[in-house]
Amino acid sequence: RVEYLNLILYVTEDIMKLNATNESKPGRWREADHPDNAPNSEDL
């Protein structure tokens, strides 16, 4: 038995420009600089 679901797909303009030969390493995101600072908002 099959149940079907469809959703609206969203992308950004630069998805076509990704560099397929990127050298990101597994797990690197854990050590990378993250935007941990307070957001650009009045509420700090």
ModelCIF file with pLDDT and N, C-alpha, C, O atoms, coordinates in Angstrom:
data_MODEL
#
_entry.id   MODEL 
#
_entity.id                         1 
_entity.type                       polymer 
_entity.pdbx_number_of_molecules   1 
#
_entity_poly.entity_id                      1 
_entity_poly.type                           'polypeptide(L)' 
_entity_poly.nstd_linkage                   no 
_entity_poly.nstd_monomer                   no 
_entity_poly.pdbx_seq_one_letter_code       RVEYLNLILYVTEDIMKLNATNESKPGRWREADHPDNAPNSEDL 
_entity_poly.pdbx_seq_one_letter_code_can   RVEYLNLILYVTEDIMKLNATNESKPGRWREADHPDNAPNSEDL 
_entity_poly.pdbx_strand_id                 A 
#
loop_
_entity_poly_seq.entity_id 
_entity_poly_seq.num 
_entity_poly_seq.mon_id 
_entity_poly_seq.hetero 
1 1  ARG n 
1 2  VAL n 
1 3  GLU n 
1 4  TYR n 
1 5  LEU n 
1 6  ASN n 
1 7  LEU n 
1 8  ILE n 
1 9  LEU n 
1 10 TYR n 
1 11 VAL n 
1 12 THR n 
1 13 GLU n 
1 14 ASP n 
1 15 ILE n 
1 16 MET n 
1 17 LYS n 
1 18 LEU n 
1 19 ASN n 
1 20 ALA n 
1 21 THR n 
1 22 ASN n 
1 23 GLU n 
1 24 SER n 
1 25 LYS n 
1 26 PRO n 
1 27 GLY n 
1 28 ARG n 
1 29 TRP n 
1 30 ARG n 
1 31 GLU n 
1 32 ALA n 
1 33 ASP n 
1 34 HIS n 
1 35 PRO n 
1 36 ASP n 
1 37 ASN n 
1 38 ALA n 
1 39 PRO n 
1 40 ASN n 
1 41 SER n 
1 42 GLU n 
1 43 ASP n 
1 44 LEU n 
#
_struct_asym.id          A 
_struct_asym.entity_id   1 
#
loop_
_ma_qa_metric.id 
_ma_qa_metric.mode 
_ma_qa_metric.name 
_ma_qa_metric.software_group_id 
_ma_qa_metric.type 
1 global pLDDT . pLDDT 
2 local  pLDDT . pLDDT 
#
_ma_qa_metric_global.metric_id      1 
_ma_qa_metric_global.metric_value   64.32 
_ma_qa_metric_global.model_id       1 
_ma_qa_metric_global.ordinal_id     1 
#
loop_
_ma_qa_metric_local.label_asym_id 
_ma_qa_metric_local.label_comp_id 
_ma_qa_metric_local.label_seq_id 
_ma_qa_metric_local.metric_id 
_ma_qa_metric_local.metric_value 
_ma_qa_metric_local.model_id 
_ma_qa_metric_local.ordinal_id 
A ARG 1  2 97.00 1 1  
A VAL 2  2 98.00 1 2  
A GLU 3  2 98.00 1 3  
A TYR 4  2 98.00 1 4  
A LEU 5  2 98.00 1 5  
A ASN 6  2 98.00 1 6  
A LEU 7  2 98.00 1 7  
A ILE 8  2 98.00 1 8  
A LEU 9  2 98.00 1 9  
A TYR 10 2 97.00 1 10 
A VAL 11 2 96.00 1 11 
A THR 12 2 93.00 1 12 
A GLU 13 2 88.00 1 13 
A ASP 14 2 83.00 1 14 
A ILE 15 2 81.00 1 15 
A MET 16 2 60.00 1 16 
A LYS 17 2 67.00 1 17 
A LEU 18 2 59.00 1 18 
A ASN 19 2 52.00 1 19 
A ALA 20 2 54.00 1 20 
A THR 21 2 50.00 1 21 
A ASN 22 2 48.00 1 22 
A GLU 23 2 49.00 1 23 
A SER 24 2 48.00 1 24 
A LYS 25 2 46.00 1 25 
A PRO 26 2 44.00 1 26 
A GLY 27 2 47.00 1 27 
A ARG 28 2 48.00 1 28 
A TRP 29 2 46.00 1 29 
A ARG 30 2 46.00 1 30 
A GLU 31 2 44.00 1 31 
A ALA 32 2 46.00 1 32 
A ASP 33 2 45.00 1 33 
A HIS 34 2 47.00 1 34 
A PRO 35 2 47.00 1 35 
A ASP 36 2 46.00 1 36 
A ASN 37 2 44.00 1 37 
A ALA 38 2 41.00 1 38 
A PRO 39 2 45.00 1 39 
A ASN 40 2 47.00 1 40 
A SER 41 2 45.00 1 41 
A GLU 42 2 44.00 1 42 
A ASP 43 2 53.00 1 43 
A LEU 44 2 53.00 1 44 
#
loop_
_atom_site.group_PDB 
_atom_site.id 
_atom_site.type_symbol 
_atom_site.label_atom_id 
_atom_site.label_alt_id 
_atom_site.label_comp_id 
_atom_site.label_asym_id 
_atom_site.label_entity_id 
_atom_site.label_seq_id 
_atom_site.pdbx_PDB_ins_code 
_atom_site.Cartn_x 
_atom_site.Cartn_y 
_atom_site.Cartn_z 
_atom_site.occupancy 
_atom_site.B_iso_or_equiv 
_atom_site.pdbx_formal_charge 
_atom_site.auth_seq_id 
_atom_site.auth_comp_id 
_atom_site.auth_asym_id 
_atom_site.auth_atom_id 
_atom_site.pdbx_PDB_model_num 
ATOM 1   N N  . ARG A 1 1  ? 0.844  -1.197 0.000  1.00 97.00 ? 1  ARG A N  1 
ATOM 2   C CA . ARG A 1 1  ? 0.000  0.000  0.000  1.00 97.00 ? 1  ARG A CA 1 
ATOM 3   C C  . ARG A 1 1  ? 0.878  1.244  0.000  1.00 97.00 ? 1  ARG A C  1 
ATOM 4   O O  . ARG A 1 1  ? 1.913  1.276  0.665  1.00 97.00 ? 1  ARG A O  1 
ATOM 5   N N  . VAL A 1 2  ? 0.464  2.277  -0.750 1.00 98.00 ? 2  VAL A N  1 
ATOM 6   C CA . VAL A 1 2  ? 1.266  3.490  -0.901 1.00 98.00 ? 2  VAL A CA 1 
ATOM 7   C C  . VAL A 1 2  ? 0.475  4.705  -0.439 1.00 98.00 ? 2  VAL A C  1 
ATOM 8   O O  . VAL A 1 2  ? -0.685 4.883  -0.813 1.00 98.00 ? 2  VAL A O  1 
ATOM 9   N N  . GLU A 1 3  ? 1.115  5.541  0.380  1.00 98.00 ? 3  GLU A N  1 
ATOM 10  C CA . GLU A 1 3  ? 0.559  6.846  0.742  1.00 98.00 ? 3  GLU A CA 1 
ATOM 11  C C  . GLU A 1 3  ? 1.470  7.921  0.169  1.00 98.00 ? 3  GLU A C  1 
ATOM 12  O O  . GLU A 1 3  ? 2.695  7.808  0.220  1.00 98.00 ? 3  GLU A O  1 
ATOM 13  N N  . TYR A 1 4  ? 0.856  8.964  -0.377 1.00 98.00 ? 4  TYR A N  1 
ATOM 14  C CA . TYR A 1 4  ? 1.625  9.991  -1.096 1.00 98.00 ? 4  TYR A CA 1 
ATOM 15  C C  . TYR A 1 4  ? 1.495  11.349 -0.418 1.00 98.00 ? 4  TYR A C  1 
ATOM 16  O O  . TYR A 1 4  ? 0.420  11.734 0.042  1.00 98.00 ? 4  TYR A O  1 
ATOM 17  N N  . LEU A 1 5  ? 2.620  12.067 -0.367 1.00 98.00 ? 5  LEU A N  1 
ATOM 18  C CA . LEU A 1 5  ? 2.637  13.411 0.189  1.00 98.00 ? 5  LEU A CA 1 
ATOM 19  C C  . LEU A 1 5  ? 3.502  14.292 -0.694 1.00 98.00 ? 5  LEU A C  1 
ATOM 20  O O  . LEU A 1 5  ? 4.588  13.889 -1.109 1.00 98.00 ? 5  LEU A O  1 
ATOM 21  N N  . ASN A 1 6  ? 3.018  15.500 -0.983 1.00 98.00 ? 6  ASN A N  1 
ATOM 22  C CA . ASN A 1 6  ? 3.874  16.447 -1.695 1.00 98.00 ? 6  ASN A CA 1 
ATOM 23  C C  . ASN A 1 6  ? 3.881  17.782 -0.961 1.00 98.00 ? 6  ASN A C  1 
ATOM 24  O O  . ASN A 1 6  ? 2.865  18.213 -0.416 1.00 98.00 ? 6  ASN A O  1 
ATOM 25  N N  . LEU A 1 7  ? 5.048  18.430 -0.958 1.00 98.00 ? 7  LEU A N  1 
ATOM 26  C CA . LEU A 1 7  ? 5.251  19.702 -0.286 1.00 98.00 ? 7  LEU A CA 1 
ATOM 27  C C  . LEU A 1 7  ? 5.856  20.702 -1.271 1.00 98.00 ? 7  LEU A C  1 
ATOM 28  O O  . LEU A 1 7  ? 6.353  20.326 -2.333 1.00 98.00 ? 7  LEU A O  1 
ATOM 29  N N  . ILE A 1 8  ? 5.804  21.976 -0.898 1.00 98.00 ? 8  ILE A N  1 
ATOM 30  C CA . ILE A 1 8  ? 6.431  23.009 -1.698 1.00 98.00 ? 8  ILE A CA 1 
ATOM 31  C C  . ILE A 1 8  ? 7.933  23.001 -1.422 1.00 98.00 ? 8  ILE A C  1 
ATOM 32  O O  . ILE A 1 8  ? 8.351  23.090 -0.268 1.00 98.00 ? 8  ILE A O  1 
ATOM 33  N N  . LEU A 1 9  ? 8.733  22.896 -2.458 1.00 98.00 ? 9  LEU A N  1 
ATOM 34  C CA . LEU A 1 9  ? 10.189 22.857 -2.329 1.00 98.00 ? 9  LEU A CA 1 
ATOM 35  C C  . LEU A 1 9  ? 10.752 24.276 -2.440 1.00 98.00 ? 9  LEU A C  1 
ATOM 36  O O  . LEU A 1 9  ? 10.390 25.035 -3.339 1.00 98.00 ? 9  LEU A O  1 
ATOM 37  N N  . TYR A 1 10 ? 11.643 24.613 -1.511 1.00 97.00 ? 10 TYR A N  1 
ATOM 38  C CA . TYR A 1 10 ? 12.277 25.930 -1.510 1.00 97.00 ? 10 TYR A CA 1 
ATOM 39  C C  . TYR A 1 10 ? 13.789 25.786 -1.655 1.00 97.00 ? 10 TYR A C  1 
ATOM 40  O O  . TYR A 1 10 ? 14.407 24.917 -1.040 1.00 97.00 ? 10 TYR A O  1 
ATOM 41  N N  . VAL A 1 11 ? 14.371 26.657 -2.482 1.00 96.00 ? 11 VAL A N  1 
ATOM 42  C CA . VAL A 1 11 ? 15.823 26.689 -2.691 1.00 96.00 ? 11 VAL A CA 1 
ATOM 43  C C  . VAL A 1 11 ? 16.282 28.143 -2.694 1.00 96.00 ? 11 VAL A C  1 
ATOM 44  O O  . VAL A 1 11 ? 15.469 29.066 -2.742 1.00 96.00 ? 11 VAL A O  1 
ATOM 45  N N  . THR A 1 12 ? 17.587 28.329 -2.642 1.00 93.00 ? 12 THR A N  1 
ATOM 46  C CA . THR A 1 12 ? 18.159 29.668 -2.791 1.00 93.00 ? 12 THR A CA 1 
ATOM 47  C C  . THR A 1 12 ? 18.821 29.759 -4.162 1.00 93.00 ? 12 THR A C  1 
ATOM 48  O O  . THR A 1 12 ? 19.122 28.742 -4.786 1.00 93.00 ? 12 THR A O  1 
ATOM 49  N N  . GLU A 1 13 ? 19.040 30.970 -4.616 1.00 88.00 ? 13 GLU A N  1 
ATOM 50  C CA . GLU A 1 13 ? 19.595 31.172 -5.951 1.00 88.00 ? 13 GLU A CA 1 
ATOM 51  C C  . GLU A 1 13 ? 20.984 30.569 -6.096 1.00 88.00 ? 13 GLU A C  1 
ATOM 52  O O  . GLU A 1 13 ? 21.366 30.156 -7.191 1.00 88.00 ? 13 GLU A O  1 
ATOM 53  N N  . ASP A 1 14 ? 21.736 30.514 -5.021 1.00 83.00 ? 14 ASP A N  1 
ATOM 54  C CA . ASP A 1 14 ? 23.119 30.055 -5.135 1.00 83.00 ? 14 ASP A CA 1 
ATOM 55  C C  . ASP A 1 14 ? 23.275 28.537 -5.084 1.00 83.00 ? 14 ASP A C  1 
ATOM 56  O O  . ASP A 1 14 ? 24.401 28.039 -5.118 1.00 83.00 ? 14 ASP A O  1 
ATOM 57  N N  . ILE A 1 15 ? 22.173 27.789 -5.002 1.00 81.00 ? 15 ILE A N  1 
ATOM 58  C CA . ILE A 1 15 ? 22.294 26.331 -4.949 1.00 81.00 ? 15 ILE A CA 1 
ATOM 59  C C  . ILE A 1 15 ? 22.954 25.803 -6.210 1.00 81.00 ? 15 ILE A C  1 
ATOM 60  O O  . ILE A 1 15 ? 23.634 24.777 -6.167 1.00 81.00 ? 15 ILE A O  1 
ATOM 61  N N  . MET A 1 16 ? 22.765 26.493 -7.345 1.00 60.00 ? 16 MET A N  1 
ATOM 62  C CA . MET A 1 16 ? 23.358 26.053 -8.598 1.00 60.00 ? 16 MET A CA 1 
ATOM 63  C C  . MET A 1 16 ? 24.859 26.354 -8.649 1.00 60.00 ? 16 MET A C  1 
ATOM 64  O O  . MET A 1 16 ? 25.568 25.827 -9.506 1.00 60.00 ? 16 MET A O  1 
ATOM 65  N N  . LYS A 1 17 ? 25.343 27.199 -7.735 1.00 67.00 ? 17 LYS A N  1 
ATOM 66  C CA . LYS A 1 17 ? 26.728 27.655 -7.804 1.00 67.00 ? 17 LYS A CA 1 
ATOM 67  C C  . LYS A 1 17 ? 27.644 26.912 -6.837 1.00 67.00 ? 17 LYS A C  1 
ATOM 68  O O  . LYS A 1 17 ? 28.822 27.249 -6.719 1.00 67.00 ? 17 LYS A O  1 
ATOM 69  N N  . LEU A 1 18 ? 27.113 25.906 -6.147 1.00 59.00 ? 18 LEU A N  1 
ATOM 70  C CA . LEU A 1 18 ? 27.942 25.179 -5.193 1.00 59.00 ? 18 LEU A CA 1 
ATOM 71  C C  . LEU A 1 18 ? 29.120 24.512 -5.884 1.00 59.00 ? 18 LEU A C  1 
ATOM 72  O O  . LEU A 1 18 ? 28.991 23.994 -6.993 1.00 59.00 ? 18 LEU A O  1 
ATOM 73  N N  . ASN A 1 19 ? 30.239 24.528 -5.238 1.00 52.00 ? 19 ASN A N  1 
ATOM 74  C CA . ASN A 1 19 ? 31.457 23.932 -5.768 1.00 52.00 ? 19 ASN A CA 1 
ATOM 75  C C  . ASN A 1 19 ? 31.490 22.451 -5.409 1.00 52.00 ? 19 ASN A C  1 
ATOM 76  O O  . ASN A 1 19 ? 31.679 22.093 -4.247 1.00 52.00 ? 19 ASN A O  1 
ATOM 77  N N  . ALA A 1 20 ? 31.311 21.606 -6.394 1.00 54.00 ? 20 ALA A N  1 
ATOM 78  C CA . ALA A 1 20 ? 31.227 20.169 -6.141 1.00 54.00 ? 20 ALA A CA 1 
ATOM 79  C C  . ALA A 1 20 ? 32.546 19.565 -5.693 1.00 54.00 ? 20 ALA A C  1 
ATOM 80  O O  . ALA A 1 20 ? 32.568 18.416 -5.251 1.00 54.00 ? 20 ALA A O  1 
ATOM 81  N N  . THR A 1 21 ? 33.646 20.301 -5.791 1.00 50.00 ? 21 THR A N  1 
ATOM 82  C CA . THR A 1 21 ? 34.941 19.771 -5.366 1.00 50.00 ? 21 THR A CA 1 
ATOM 83  C C  . THR A 1 21 ? 35.354 20.326 -4.020 1.00 50.00 ? 21 THR A C  1 
ATOM 84  O O  . THR A 1 21 ? 36.538 20.325 -3.684 1.00 50.00 ? 21 THR A O  1 
ATOM 85  N N  . ASN A 1 22 ? 34.365 20.814 -3.221 1.00 48.00 ? 22 ASN A N  1 
ATOM 86  C CA . ASN A 1 22 ? 34.712 21.420 -1.935 1.00 48.00 ? 22 ASN A CA 1 
ATOM 87  C C  . ASN A 1 22 ? 35.456 20.432 -1.056 1.00 48.00 ? 22 ASN A C  1 
ATOM 88  O O  . ASN A 1 22 ? 35.301 19.219 -1.200 1.00 48.00 ? 22 ASN A O  1 
ATOM 89  N N  . GLU A 1 23 ? 36.265 20.956 -0.147 1.00 49.00 ? 23 GLU A N  1 
ATOM 90  C CA . GLU A 1 23 ? 37.116 20.124 0.689  1.00 49.00 ? 23 GLU A CA 1 
ATOM 91  C C  . GLU A 1 23 ? 36.690 20.143 2.148  1.00 49.00 ? 23 GLU A C  1 
ATOM 92  O O  . GLU A 1 23 ? 37.514 19.905 3.031  1.00 49.00 ? 23 GLU A O  1 
ATOM 93  N N  . SER A 1 24 ? 35.433 20.418 2.416  1.00 48.00 ? 24 SER A N  1 
ATOM 94  C CA . SER A 1 24 ? 34.946 20.356 3.782  1.00 48.00 ? 24 SER A CA 1 
ATOM 95  C C  . SER A 1 24 ? 35.179 18.948 4.328  1.00 48.00 ? 24 SER A C  1 
ATOM 96  O O  . SER A 1 24 ? 34.985 17.960 3.619  1.00 48.00 ? 24 SER A O  1 
ATOM 97  N N  . LYS A 1 25 ? 35.587 18.866 5.564  1.00 46.00 ? 25 LYS A N  1 
ATOM 98  C CA . LYS A 1 25 ? 35.886 17.570 6.153  1.00 46.00 ? 25 LYS A CA 1 
ATOM 99  C C  . LYS A 1 25 ? 34.777 17.155 7.110  1.00 46.00 ? 25 LYS A C  1 
ATOM 100 O O  . LYS A 1 25 ? 34.167 18.006 7.757  1.00 46.00 ? 25 LYS A O  1 
ATOM 101 N N  . PRO A 1 26 ? 34.509 15.842 7.209  1.00 44.00 ? 26 PRO A N  1 
ATOM 102 C CA . PRO A 1 26 ? 33.455 15.383 8.108  1.00 44.00 ? 26 PRO A CA 1 
ATOM 103 C C  . PRO A 1 26 ? 33.681 15.867 9.526  1.00 44.00 ? 26 PRO A C  1 
ATOM 104 O O  . PRO A 1 26 ? 34.775 15.748 10.077 1.00 44.00 ? 26 PRO A O  1 
ATOM 105 N N  . GLY A 1 27 ? 32.631 16.411 10.101 1.00 47.00 ? 27 GLY A N  1 
ATOM 106 C CA . GLY A 1 27 ? 32.713 16.862 11.476 1.00 47.00 ? 27 GLY A CA 1 
ATOM 107 C C  . GLY A 1 27 ? 33.302 18.241 11.650 1.00 47.00 ? 27 GLY A C  1 
ATOM 108 O O  . GLY A 1 27 ? 33.327 18.763 12.764 1.00 47.00 ? 27 GLY A O  1 
ATOM 109 N N  . ARG A 1 28 ? 33.788 18.857 10.553 1.00 48.00 ? 28 ARG A N  1 
ATOM 110 C CA . ARG A 1 28 ? 34.445 20.141 10.683 1.00 48.00 ? 28 ARG A CA 1 
ATOM 111 C C  . ARG A 1 28 ? 33.516 21.204 11.243 1.00 48.00 ? 28 ARG A C  1 
ATOM 112 O O  . ARG A 1 28 ? 33.966 22.120 11.931 1.00 48.00 ? 28 ARG A O  1 
ATOM 113 N N  . TRP A 1 29 ? 32.225 21.092 10.956 1.00 46.00 ? 29 TRP A N  1 
ATOM 114 C CA . TRP A 1 29 ? 31.286 22.109 11.425 1.00 46.00 ? 29 TRP A CA 1 
ATOM 115 C C  . TRP A 1 29 ? 31.306 22.237 12.940 1.00 46.00 ? 29 TRP A C  1 
ATOM 116 O O  . TRP A 1 29 ? 30.944 23.286 13.474 1.00 46.00 ? 29 TRP A O  1 
ATOM 117 N N  . ARG A 1 30 ? 31.720 21.197 13.637 1.00 46.00 ? 30 ARG A N  1 
ATOM 118 C CA . ARG A 1 30 ? 31.739 21.260 15.101 1.00 46.00 ? 30 ARG A CA 1 
ATOM 119 C C  . ARG A 1 30 ? 32.816 22.227 15.601 1.00 46.00 ? 30 ARG A C  1 
ATOM 120 O O  . ARG A 1 30 ? 32.653 22.869 16.639 1.00 46.00 ? 30 ARG A O  1 
ATOM 121 N N  . GLU A 1 31 ? 33.926 22.323 14.844 1.00 44.00 ? 31 GLU A N  1 
ATOM 122 C CA . GLU A 1 31 ? 35.009 23.187 15.292 1.00 44.00 ? 31 GLU A CA 1 
ATOM 123 C C  . GLU A 1 31 ? 34.987 24.550 14.608 1.00 44.00 ? 31 GLU A C  1 
ATOM 124 O O  . GLU A 1 31 ? 35.740 25.447 14.988 1.00 44.00 ? 31 GLU A O  1 
ATOM 125 N N  . ALA A 1 32 ? 34.127 24.710 13.598 1.00 46.00 ? 32 ALA A N  1 
ATOM 126 C CA . ALA A 1 32 ? 34.139 25.942 12.806 1.00 46.00 ? 32 ALA A CA 1 
ATOM 127 C C  . ALA A 1 32 ? 33.594 27.117 13.609 1.00 46.00 ? 32 ALA A C  1 
ATOM 128 O O  . ALA A 1 32 ? 32.965 26.949 14.654 1.00 46.00 ? 32 ALA A O  1 
ATOM 129 N N  . ASP A 1 33 ? 33.858 28.315 13.082 1.00 45.00 ? 33 ASP A N  1 
ATOM 130 C CA . ASP A 1 33 ? 33.310 29.510 13.710 1.00 45.00 ? 33 ASP A CA 1 
ATOM 131 C C  . ASP A 1 33 ? 31.812 29.542 13.484 1.00 45.00 ? 33 ASP A C  1 
ATOM 132 O O  . ASP A 1 33 ? 31.349 29.489 12.345 1.00 45.00 ? 33 ASP A O  1 
ATOM 133 N N  . HIS A 1 34 ? 31.068 29.629 14.549 1.00 47.00 ? 34 HIS A N  1 
ATOM 134 C CA . HIS A 1 34 ? 29.615 29.651 14.460 1.00 47.00 ? 34 HIS A CA 1 
ATOM 135 C C  . HIS A 1 34 ? 29.108 31.035 14.815 1.00 47.00 ? 34 HIS A C  1 
ATOM 136 O O  . HIS A 1 34 ? 29.744 31.741 15.597 1.00 47.00 ? 34 HIS A O  1 
ATOM 137 N N  . PRO A 1 35 ? 27.980 31.435 14.258 1.00 47.00 ? 35 PRO A N  1 
ATOM 138 C CA . PRO A 1 35 ? 27.419 32.749 14.588 1.00 47.00 ? 35 PRO A CA 1 
ATOM 139 C C  . PRO A 1 35 ? 26.795 32.739 15.971 1.00 47.00 ? 35 PRO A C  1 
ATOM 140 O O  . PRO A 1 35 ? 25.575 32.835 16.110 1.00 47.00 ? 35 PRO A O  1 
ATOM 141 N N  . ASP A 1 36 ? 27.636 32.622 17.000 1.00 46.00 ? 36 ASP A N  1 
ATOM 142 C CA . ASP A 1 36 ? 27.129 32.525 18.360 1.00 46.00 ? 36 ASP A CA 1 
ATOM 143 C C  . ASP A 1 36 ? 26.854 33.885 18.999 1.00 46.00 ? 36 ASP A C  1 
ATOM 144 O O  . ASP A 1 36 ? 26.295 33.956 20.093 1.00 46.00 ? 36 ASP A O  1 
ATOM 145 N N  . ASN A 1 37 ? 27.239 34.942 18.332 1.00 44.00 ? 37 ASN A N  1 
ATOM 146 C CA . ASN A 1 37 ? 27.053 36.259 18.901 1.00 44.00 ? 37 ASN A CA 1 
ATOM 147 C C  . ASN A 1 37 ? 25.587 36.651 18.930 1.00 44.00 ? 37 ASN A C  1 
ATOM 148 O O  . ASN A 1 37 ? 24.756 36.033 18.263 1.00 44.00 ? 37 ASN A O  1 
ATOM 149 N N  . ALA A 1 38 ? 25.275 37.672 19.698 1.00 41.00 ? 38 ALA A N  1 
ATOM 150 C CA . ALA A 1 38 ? 23.896 38.135 19.769 1.00 41.00 ? 38 ALA A CA 1 
ATOM 151 C C  . ALA A 1 38 ? 23.430 38.584 18.402 1.00 41.00 ? 38 ALA A C  1 
ATOM 152 O O  . ALA A 1 38 ? 24.203 39.217 17.683 1.00 41.00 ? 38 ALA A O  1 
ATOM 153 N N  . PRO A 1 39 ? 22.178 38.280 18.002 1.00 45.00 ? 39 PRO A N  1 
ATOM 154 C CA . PRO A 1 39 ? 21.665 38.651 16.688 1.00 45.00 ? 39 PRO A CA 1 
ATOM 155 C C  . PRO A 1 39 ? 21.538 40.155 16.543 1.00 45.00 ? 39 PRO A C  1 
ATOM 156 O O  . PRO A 1 39 ? 21.599 40.911 17.513 1.00 45.00 ? 39 PRO A O  1 
ATOM 157 N N  . ASN A 1 40 ? 21.357 40.563 15.285 1.00 47.00 ? 40 ASN A N  1 
ATOM 158 C CA . ASN A 1 40 ? 21.131 41.974 15.025 1.00 47.00 ? 40 ASN A CA 1 
ATOM 159 C C  . ASN A 1 40 ? 19.712 42.320 15.437 1.00 47.00 ? 40 ASN A C  1 
ATOM 160 O O  . ASN A 1 40 ? 18.820 42.429 14.596 1.00 47.00 ? 40 ASN A O  1 
ATOM 161 N N  . SER A 1 41 ? 19.515 42.488 16.698 1.00 45.00 ? 41 SER A N  1 
ATOM 162 C CA . SER A 1 41 ? 18.181 42.707 17.245 1.00 45.00 ? 41 SER A CA 1 
ATOM 163 C C  . SER A 1 41 ? 18.291 43.623 18.445 1.00 45.00 ? 41 SER A C  1 
ATOM 164 O O  . SER A 1 41 ? 19.336 43.721 19.088 1.00 45.00 ? 41 SER A O  1 
ATOM 165 N N  . GLU A 1 42 ? 17.199 44.285 18.727 1.00 44.00 ? 42 GLU A N  1 
ATOM 166 C CA . GLU A 1 42 ? 17.178 45.136 19.899 1.00 44.00 ? 42 GLU A CA 1 
ATOM 167 C C  . GLU A 1 42 ? 17.227 44.311 21.178 1.00 44.00 ? 42 GLU A C  1 
ATOM 168 O O  . GLU A 1 42 ? 17.663 44.798 22.221 1.00 44.00 ? 42 GLU A O  1 
ATOM 169 N N  . ASP A 1 43 ? 16.780 43.064 21.096 1.00 53.00 ? 43 ASP A N  1 
ATOM 170 C CA . ASP A 1 43 ? 16.698 42.223 22.292 1.00 53.00 ? 43 ASP A CA 1 
ATOM 171 C C  . ASP A 1 43 ? 17.970 41.402 22.424 1.00 53.00 ? 43 ASP A C  1 
ATOM 172 O O  . ASP A 1 43 ? 18.107 40.376 21.758 1.00 53.00 ? 43 ASP A O  1 
ATOM 173 N N  . LEU A 1 44 ? 18.903 41.825 23.267 1.00 53.00 ? 44 LEU A N  1 
ATOM 174 C CA . LEU A 1 44 ? 20.175 41.143 23.404 1.00 53.00 ? 44 LEU A CA 1 
ATOM 175 C C  . LEU A 1 44 ? 20.088 39.910 24.303 1.00 53.00 ? 44 LEU A C  1 
ATOM 176 O O  . LEU A 1 44 ? 21.090 39.228 24.514 1.00 53.00 ? 44 LEU A O  1 
#
